[in-house]
């Protein structure tokens, strides 16, 4: 199996091969100062999601990039992270400033687990262990990521290359390109594949972008999937642009991605959850999204953010 994104020892971005080294990370951390965030935010309690009928699309925003998605009557848990920190070192690293929007035991089920890539804010072993113990769902992820899920006791995860699909849990799941990178240690950079998912059932489809810089991939995904009913798009972790541009979209680019996809509706994600992951103020992504949405002529209801723990029913 090969393609423009395959490299001799892993994977690469075909549109923008720029990669950041540990020296780049060190330079960013030494030369910038993140905007102050509140120590803790107590969000209003939201009603727990109920399992709904097969013809509805239901998205419950847990926080950051974690969603419970319902489509085709199935419950799909995407990039679940309930831990207080996202880091390889206990007690260190980006810290949660708000609780997950719903407790894990408030969810109506998990028929399928999807993990987009191996970064700690998307692949969280303690949460995956809890998911396995509660529901034992089948799982799908990108190439060379199943070994990480196995560390949480999730064995037999289906590994997919870009544009490959699998019929699983009564759903059709396609792994689609993203402009990002992978690493869990200083020694395994880009050895595992990163990407997003298109989930289809009963004539409906949902796109989850994972992490991505802006690239031609969005237009190609829109061409291959001409009816995207709902897109889940990152709008945060973009500062400083000199460091983040190639791997994380800002809100202006997220709105461009929404338009390139031809998505009927979009929900913003990947913001306002973990302090230390990025430099921008906690409330800037939503403010910038509202401004650029108006500038690009996108209706407010077509690209929204949800209160943490809230559920949108289409």
Protein backbone atom coordinates (compact mmCIF):
# COMPACT_ATOMS: atom_id res chain seq x y z
CA UNK A 1 0.00 0.00 0.00
CA UNK A 2 1.47 3.36 -0.99
CA UNK A 3 0.59 6.91 -1.90
CA UNK A 4 1.94 10.44 -1.90
CA UNK A 5 1.55 10.52 1.88
CA UNK A 6 3.69 7.40 2.44
CA UNK A 7 7.35 7.90 3.34
CA UNK A 8 10.17 5.36 3.72
CA UNK A 9 9.74 5.31 7.50
CA UNK A 10 6.16 6.40 8.00
CA UNK A 11 4.03 9.16 6.55
CA UNK A 12 4.16 12.77 5.33
CA UNK A 13 1.89 15.59 4.23
CA UNK A 14 1.77 15.72 0.42
CA UNK A 15 0.53 19.33 0.22
CA UNK A 16 2.82 20.92 2.80
CA UNK A 17 5.67 18.66 3.92
CA UNK A 18 6.83 21.15 6.57
CA UNK A 19 7.57 19.38 9.84
CA UNK A 20 8.43 20.76 13.22
CA UNK A 21 11.36 19.40 15.21
CA UNK A 22 11.84 19.23 18.96
CA UNK A 23 14.09 22.27 18.57
CA UNK A 24 11.17 24.16 16.99
CA UNK A 25 8.96 23.19 19.91
CA UNK A 26 11.61 24.35 22.39
CA UNK A 27 12.00 27.66 20.54
CA UNK A 28 8.22 28.23 20.59
CA UNK A 29 7.96 27.48 24.29
CA UNK A 30 10.86 29.79 25.13
CA UNK A 31 9.90 32.73 22.91
CA UNK A 32 6.14 33.02 23.43
CA UNK A 33 3.90 33.51 26.41
CA UNK A 34 0.39 32.05 26.29
CA UNK A 35 -2.56 34.28 27.06
CA UNK A 36 -3.83 33.79 30.62
CA UNK A 37 -6.71 31.36 31.05
CA UNK A 38 -9.04 30.97 34.03
CA UNK A 39 -7.95 28.30 36.47
CA UNK A 40 -11.36 26.61 36.25
CA UNK A 41 -14.70 27.11 34.51
CA UNK A 42 -17.90 25.65 35.93
CA UNK A 43 -20.16 25.07 32.93
CA UNK A 44 -23.95 24.74 33.31
CA UNK A 45 -25.11 21.15 33.56
CA UNK A 46 -26.60 19.86 30.30
CA UNK A 47 -29.24 17.13 29.95
CA UNK A 48 -27.66 13.74 29.24
CA UNK A 49 -28.07 12.56 25.65
CA UNK A 50 -30.68 9.91 24.89
CA UNK A 51 -30.37 7.30 22.18
CA UNK A 52 -32.56 8.54 19.33
CA UNK A 53 -34.10 7.07 16.20
CA UNK A 54 -32.06 5.95 13.21
CA UNK A 55 -33.05 8.85 10.95
CA UNK A 56 -31.57 11.51 13.25
CA UNK A 57 -28.02 12.82 13.45
CA UNK A 58 -27.18 13.66 17.05
CA UNK A 59 -23.91 15.27 18.19
CA UNK A 60 -23.04 15.71 21.87
CA UNK A 61 -19.99 17.91 22.54
CA UNK A 62 -17.93 16.49 25.40
CA UNK A 63 -15.09 19.02 25.04
CA UNK A 64 -11.97 19.63 22.96
CA UNK A 65 -12.30 17.08 20.09
CA UNK A 66 -14.43 14.51 21.95
CA UNK A 67 -17.93 13.84 20.66
CA UNK A 68 -20.65 11.28 21.06
CA UNK A 69 -22.18 11.01 17.60
CA UNK A 70 -25.42 9.21 16.83
CA UNK A 71 -26.09 8.23 13.23
CA UNK A 72 -28.09 5.34 11.82
CA UNK A 73 -29.26 4.57 15.35
CA UNK A 74 -25.67 3.81 16.43
CA UNK A 75 -23.64 5.60 19.11
CA UNK A 76 -20.11 6.51 17.98
CA UNK A 77 -17.54 7.82 20.43
CA UNK A 78 -14.84 9.90 18.68
CA UNK A 79 -11.43 10.77 20.20
CA UNK A 80 -12.70 10.40 23.76
CA UNK A 81 -10.64 12.18 26.44
CA UNK A 82 -11.93 12.41 30.01
CA UNK A 83 -8.51 12.78 31.70
CA UNK A 84 -7.44 15.89 33.61
CA UNK A 85 -4.21 16.25 31.60
CA UNK A 86 -3.05 15.26 28.11
CA UNK A 87 0.60 14.32 28.40
CA UNK A 88 2.95 11.33 28.50
CA UNK A 89 4.06 12.39 31.99
CA UNK A 90 1.52 12.11 34.84
CA UNK A 91 0.87 15.44 36.54
CA UNK A 92 2.48 17.50 33.78
CA UNK A 93 1.38 18.89 30.43
CA UNK A 94 -1.77 20.67 29.20
CA UNK A 95 -4.36 20.81 31.96
CA UNK A 96 -8.14 20.69 31.71
CA UNK A 97 -9.87 23.91 32.82
CA UNK A 98 -13.42 22.56 32.63
CA UNK A 99 -14.97 19.17 33.30
CA UNK A 100 -16.01 16.93 30.42
CA UNK A 101 -19.42 18.08 29.25
CA UNK A 102 -21.02 14.75 30.16
CA UNK A 103 -19.86 12.02 32.54
CA UNK A 104 -18.89 8.83 30.75
CA UNK A 105 -21.65 6.92 32.53
CA UNK A 106 -24.27 9.41 31.28
CA UNK A 107 -23.80 8.33 27.66
CA UNK A 108 -26.48 6.06 26.16
CA UNK A 109 -23.89 3.62 24.78
CA UNK A 110 -20.92 3.19 22.50
CA UNK A 111 -21.37 0.93 19.48
CA UNK A 112 -18.17 2.09 17.77
CA UNK A 113 -14.96 3.82 18.85
CA UNK A 114 -13.02 6.03 16.41
CA UNK A 115 -9.54 7.46 17.11
CA UNK A 116 -8.21 9.93 14.53
CA UNK A 117 -4.50 9.94 15.47
CA UNK A 118 -2.11 9.27 18.31
CA UNK A 119 -1.60 12.66 19.98
CA UNK A 120 -2.35 12.63 23.69
CA UNK A 121 -5.27 15.05 23.41
CA UNK A 122 -6.97 12.60 21.01
CA UNK A 123 -5.73 9.16 22.11
CA UNK A 124 -6.00 8.97 25.89
CA UNK A 125 -5.23 5.54 27.32
CA UNK A 126 -7.05 5.93 30.69
CA UNK A 127 -10.24 6.97 28.91
CA UNK A 128 -9.92 4.18 26.35
CA UNK A 129 -9.56 1.64 29.17
CA UNK A 130 -12.78 2.95 30.73
CA UNK A 131 -14.58 2.78 27.37
CA UNK A 132 -13.43 -0.80 26.85
CA UNK A 133 -14.49 -1.87 30.34
CA UNK A 134 -17.94 -0.33 29.96
CA UNK A 135 -18.89 -1.19 26.36
CA UNK A 136 -16.15 -3.22 24.59
CA UNK A 137 -16.89 -1.55 21.24
CA UNK A 138 -15.19 -2.35 17.94
CA UNK A 139 -12.72 0.34 16.91
CA UNK A 140 -11.24 1.93 13.79
CA UNK A 141 -8.20 4.19 13.44
CA UNK A 142 -5.34 5.07 11.07
CA UNK A 143 -2.43 2.89 10.02
CA UNK A 144 -0.04 1.87 12.83
CA UNK A 145 -2.32 3.16 15.59
CA UNK A 146 -3.92 -0.15 16.68
CA UNK A 147 -0.82 -0.92 18.77
CA UNK A 148 -1.59 2.12 20.92
CA UNK A 149 -5.23 1.10 21.41
CA UNK A 150 -4.04 -2.38 22.37
CA UNK A 151 -2.24 -0.85 25.36
CA UNK A 152 -5.71 0.05 26.66
CA UNK A 153 -6.93 -3.51 26.07
CA UNK A 154 -8.70 -2.62 22.81
CA UNK A 155 -7.54 -5.36 20.47
CA UNK A 156 -8.35 -5.89 16.81
CA UNK A 157 -8.91 -2.23 15.90
CA UNK A 158 -9.33 -1.83 12.15
CA UNK A 159 -6.46 0.20 10.70
CA UNK A 160 -7.22 2.30 7.63
CA UNK A 161 -5.19 4.21 5.07
CA UNK A 162 -6.54 7.45 3.60
CA UNK A 163 -9.65 6.84 1.48
CA UNK A 164 -10.04 3.29 2.74
CA UNK A 165 -13.41 2.37 4.23
CA UNK A 166 -14.78 -0.36 6.44
CA UNK A 167 -18.30 -1.57 7.20
CA UNK A 168 -18.41 -1.77 10.96
CA UNK A 169 -21.14 -1.65 13.64
CA UNK A 170 -23.74 -1.11 10.91
CA UNK A 171 -21.95 1.99 9.61
CA UNK A 172 -19.68 2.79 6.67
CA UNK A 173 -16.55 4.55 7.95
CA UNK A 174 -14.00 6.12 5.59
CA UNK A 175 -10.62 7.41 6.81
CA UNK A 176 -9.85 10.67 5.02
CA UNK A 177 -6.75 12.90 4.73
CA UNK A 178 -5.72 15.64 7.12
CA UNK A 179 -2.68 17.92 7.17
CA UNK A 180 -1.11 17.16 10.51
CA UNK A 181 1.49 14.82 12.03
CA UNK A 182 1.81 12.11 14.66
CA UNK A 183 4.03 11.36 17.66
CA UNK A 184 3.79 9.98 21.17
CA UNK A 185 7.53 10.02 21.90
CA UNK A 186 10.53 11.93 20.51
CA UNK A 187 11.43 8.81 18.50
CA UNK A 188 8.23 7.88 16.62
CA UNK A 189 7.35 11.08 14.75
CA UNK A 190 5.08 10.40 11.74
CA UNK A 191 5.41 6.63 12.10
CA UNK A 192 1.60 6.39 12.56
CA UNK A 193 -0.98 7.89 10.20
CA UNK A 194 -3.27 10.79 11.09
CA UNK A 195 -6.61 11.68 9.49
CA UNK A 196 -10.33 12.26 9.85
CA UNK A 197 -13.46 10.19 9.35
CA UNK A 198 -16.58 10.27 7.22
CA UNK A 199 -19.32 8.19 8.86
CA UNK A 200 -22.32 7.19 6.73
CA UNK A 201 -25.63 5.48 7.46
CA UNK A 202 -29.19 5.62 6.16
CA UNK A 203 -28.29 8.16 3.46
CA UNK A 204 -26.76 10.59 5.97
CA UNK A 205 -23.10 11.46 6.54
CA UNK A 206 -20.95 13.17 9.18
CA UNK A 207 -17.35 14.33 8.73
CA UNK A 208 -14.96 14.55 11.68
CA UNK A 209 -11.77 16.42 10.74
CA UNK A 210 -9.52 15.39 13.63
CA UNK A 211 -6.61 17.86 13.59
CA UNK A 212 -5.67 19.59 10.35
CA UNK A 213 -4.13 22.65 8.84
CA UNK A 214 -6.01 24.13 5.90
CA UNK A 215 -5.27 22.23 2.69
CA UNK A 216 -6.81 21.12 -0.63
CA UNK A 217 -7.96 17.97 1.17
CA UNK A 218 -11.20 19.66 2.23
CA UNK A 219 -12.29 20.33 -1.34
CA UNK A 220 -11.38 16.75 -2.31
CA UNK A 221 -13.38 15.33 0.59
CA UNK A 222 -16.32 17.48 -0.49
CA UNK A 223 -16.04 16.16 -4.06
CA UNK A 224 -15.95 12.54 -2.95
CA UNK A 225 -18.76 13.01 -0.41
CA UNK A 226 -21.17 15.48 -2.03
CA UNK A 227 -23.64 15.33 0.86
CA UNK A 228 -22.04 16.07 4.22
CA UNK A 229 -24.89 16.74 6.61
CA UNK A 230 -22.64 17.70 9.52
CA UNK A 231 -18.94 18.57 9.77
CA UNK A 232 -17.01 18.69 13.05
CA UNK A 233 -14.18 21.16 12.44
CA UNK A 234 -11.32 22.39 14.69
CA UNK A 235 -11.24 26.13 15.38
CA UNK A 236 -8.59 26.37 18.14
CA UNK A 237 -4.95 25.63 19.03
CA UNK A 238 -3.77 27.92 16.23
CA UNK A 239 -1.42 30.33 18.04
CA UNK A 240 1.27 31.24 17.31
CA UNK A 241 0.60 31.02 13.58
CA UNK A 242 4.32 30.81 12.81
CA UNK A 243 4.34 27.43 14.56
CA UNK A 244 0.78 26.13 14.18
CA UNK A 245 -0.18 27.17 10.62
CA UNK A 246 0.73 23.89 8.91
CA UNK A 247 -1.03 21.67 11.46
CA UNK A 248 -3.98 23.57 12.99
CA UNK A 249 -6.57 25.77 11.30
CA UNK A 250 -7.62 29.10 12.72
CA UNK A 251 -11.33 30.07 12.67
CA UNK A 252 -11.06 31.91 9.35
CA UNK A 253 -9.61 28.80 7.73
CA UNK A 254 -12.22 26.61 9.42
CA UNK A 255 -15.00 28.61 7.76
CA UNK A 256 -13.19 28.23 4.42
CA UNK A 257 -13.02 24.49 5.08
CA UNK A 258 -16.78 24.42 5.83
CA UNK A 259 -17.43 26.06 2.47
CA UNK A 260 -14.95 23.86 0.57
CA UNK A 261 -16.64 20.76 1.99
CA UNK A 262 -20.10 21.96 1.05
CA UNK A 263 -21.25 20.92 4.52
CA UNK A 264 -24.86 21.66 5.39
CA UNK A 265 -23.99 22.34 9.03
CA UNK A 266 -20.73 22.52 10.99
CA UNK A 267 -19.79 22.49 14.67
CA UNK A 268 -16.54 24.02 15.95
CA UNK A 269 -14.31 21.98 18.26
CA UNK A 270 -10.74 21.73 19.61
CA UNK A 271 -10.81 24.89 21.73
CA UNK A 272 -11.34 26.16 25.26
CA UNK A 273 -10.52 22.94 27.14
CA UNK A 274 -6.81 22.37 27.89
CA UNK A 275 -4.56 25.18 29.11
CA UNK A 276 -1.01 24.93 27.80
CA UNK A 277 -1.91 23.34 24.49
CA UNK A 278 -1.84 26.65 22.63
CA UNK A 279 -1.23 30.38 23.10
CA UNK A 280 -4.51 32.09 22.14
CA UNK A 281 -7.00 33.44 24.71
CA UNK A 282 -9.64 30.93 25.73
CA UNK A 283 -12.56 32.91 24.26
CA UNK A 284 -10.87 34.07 21.05
CA UNK A 285 -11.77 31.09 18.79
CA UNK A 286 -15.53 31.59 19.22
CA UNK A 287 -15.30 35.38 18.79
CA UNK A 288 -13.14 35.01 15.68
CA UNK A 289 -15.47 32.35 14.29
CA UNK A 290 -18.46 34.69 14.58
CA UNK A 291 -16.60 37.53 12.86
CA UNK A 292 -15.21 35.48 9.98
CA UNK A 293 -18.50 33.67 9.47
CA UNK A 294 -20.14 37.02 8.80
CA UNK A 295 -17.27 38.13 6.55
CA UNK A 296 -17.58 34.99 4.42
CA UNK A 297 -21.37 35.11 4.19
CA UNK A 298 -22.02 31.95 6.22
CA UNK A 299 -25.24 31.99 8.24
CA UNK A 300 -24.79 31.85 12.01
CA UNK A 301 -26.84 28.65 12.30
CA UNK A 302 -24.74 26.90 9.63
CA UNK A 303 -21.50 26.91 11.66
CA UNK A 304 -22.03 26.90 15.40
CA UNK A 305 -20.32 26.07 18.64
CA UNK A 306 -22.15 24.14 21.34
CA UNK A 307 -22.14 24.65 25.10
CA UNK A 308 -19.93 22.01 26.68
CA UNK A 309 -22.06 18.92 27.18
CA UNK A 310 -24.85 20.13 24.90
CA UNK A 311 -26.49 18.06 22.19
CA UNK A 312 -27.47 19.13 18.66
CA UNK A 313 -30.16 17.08 16.90
CA UNK A 314 -30.54 17.22 13.13
